[in-house]
Amino acid sequence: GNNFIIGGNINGGKLFGTFPTDLTAASPLNVGRGRLIPTMPFEAPWNAVIEWLGVTDEDEIDKVLPNRKSFPSELLLRKDEFRN
């Protein structure tokens, strides 16, 4: 799916994730019937939003995004999405 983050403090004009180079049925990301495995986890942009909201306690963040530790290198940070 797609996510859009809209607001006055957004550092906009960016696309995150990797566009698939192969959209055919033979693509390793294709799971059938036109469905593709995402190249960025759902948790990635929401990690930055939670940080922007001021939640810094790791246990609290894990309650909101319980799968985020499965994607440590792909999570976005506040500085990726928001202006200072």
Protein backbone atom coordinates (compact mmCIF):
# COMPACT_ATOMS: atom_id res chain seq x y z
CA GLY A 1 0.00 0.00 0.00
CA ASN A 2 0.88 3.62 -0.16
CA ASN A 3 1.23 6.12 2.65
CA PHE A 4 0.95 9.89 2.40
CA ILE A 5 1.99 12.16 5.24
CA ILE A 6 0.56 15.65 4.95
CA GLY A 7 1.19 18.69 7.12
CA GLY A 8 3.05 21.94 7.55
CA ASN A 9 6.18 20.49 9.11
CA ILE A 10 6.68 17.73 6.52
CA ASN A 11 9.97 17.55 4.65
CA GLY A 12 8.14 16.72 1.44
CA GLY A 13 8.97 15.76 -2.09
CA LYS A 14 10.48 12.41 -1.17
CA LEU A 15 9.65 8.86 -2.14
CA PHE A 16 10.79 6.07 0.14
CA GLY A 17 11.19 2.42 -0.72
CA THR A 18 12.43 0.81 -3.91
CA PHE A 19 10.37 0.65 -7.07
CA PRO A 20 10.38 -2.94 -8.41
CA THR A 21 12.47 -3.35 -11.55
CA ASP A 22 10.33 -6.24 -12.74
CA LEU A 23 6.52 -6.05 -12.67
CA THR A 24 5.96 -9.28 -14.61
CA ALA A 25 4.61 -12.54 -13.23
CA ALA A 26 8.22 -13.79 -13.07
CA SER A 27 9.25 -11.09 -10.58
CA PRO A 28 10.48 -12.43 -7.24
CA LEU A 29 8.23 -9.83 -5.58
CA ASN A 30 5.10 -11.04 -7.41
CA VAL A 31 2.93 -13.30 -5.25
CA GLY A 32 0.23 -13.70 -7.88
CA ARG A 33 -2.90 -11.92 -9.12
CA GLY A 34 -1.01 -8.64 -9.48
CA ARG A 35 0.09 -8.48 -5.83
CA LEU A 36 3.67 -7.50 -5.02
CA ILE A 37 5.62 -7.88 -1.80
CA PRO A 38 6.37 -4.36 -0.48
CA THR A 39 9.96 -3.16 -0.53
CA MET A 40 9.45 -1.12 2.65
CA PRO A 41 7.68 -2.32 5.78
CA PHE A 42 4.45 -0.70 6.99
CA GLU A 43 6.26 0.25 10.20
CA ALA A 44 8.91 2.40 8.45
CA PRO A 45 7.05 5.73 8.07
CA TRP A 46 5.09 5.27 11.30
CA ASN A 47 8.31 4.92 13.27
CA ALA A 48 9.15 8.52 12.29
CA VAL A 49 5.65 9.75 13.14
CA ILE A 50 5.81 8.17 16.60
CA GLU A 51 9.21 9.76 17.17
CA TRP A 52 7.81 13.15 16.03
CA LEU A 53 4.94 12.74 18.52
CA GLY A 54 7.52 12.53 21.28
CA VAL A 55 7.36 8.84 22.16
CA THR A 56 10.93 7.79 22.97
CA ASP A 57 10.49 4.81 25.28
CA GLU A 58 11.38 1.68 23.30
CA ASP A 59 8.79 -0.47 25.09
CA GLU A 60 6.04 2.04 24.29
CA ILE A 61 7.05 2.19 20.62
CA ASP A 62 7.06 -1.62 20.47
CA LYS A 63 3.48 -1.65 21.74
CA VAL A 64 2.41 0.53 18.82
CA LEU A 65 4.65 -1.12 16.20
CA PRO A 66 5.29 -4.67 17.46
CA ASN A 67 7.01 -5.81 14.24
CA ARG A 68 9.43 -2.90 13.88
CA LYS A 69 12.41 -4.83 15.27
CA SER A 70 12.10 -7.15 12.27
CA PHE A 71 13.16 -4.24 10.02
CA PRO A 72 15.78 -2.24 11.96
CA SER A 73 17.69 -0.92 8.94
CA GLU A 74 14.56 0.08 7.01
CA LEU A 75 12.81 2.23 9.62
CA LEU A 76 12.52 5.94 8.90
CA LEU A 77 13.50 8.50 11.52
CA ARG A 78 11.98 11.86 12.35
CA LYS A 79 14.68 13.67 10.35
CA ASP A 80 13.72 11.65 7.25
CA GLU A 81 10.13 12.90 7.17
CA PHE A 82 9.96 16.14 9.14
CA ARG A 83 11.70 19.52 9.09
CA ASN A 84 13.63 20.52 12.19
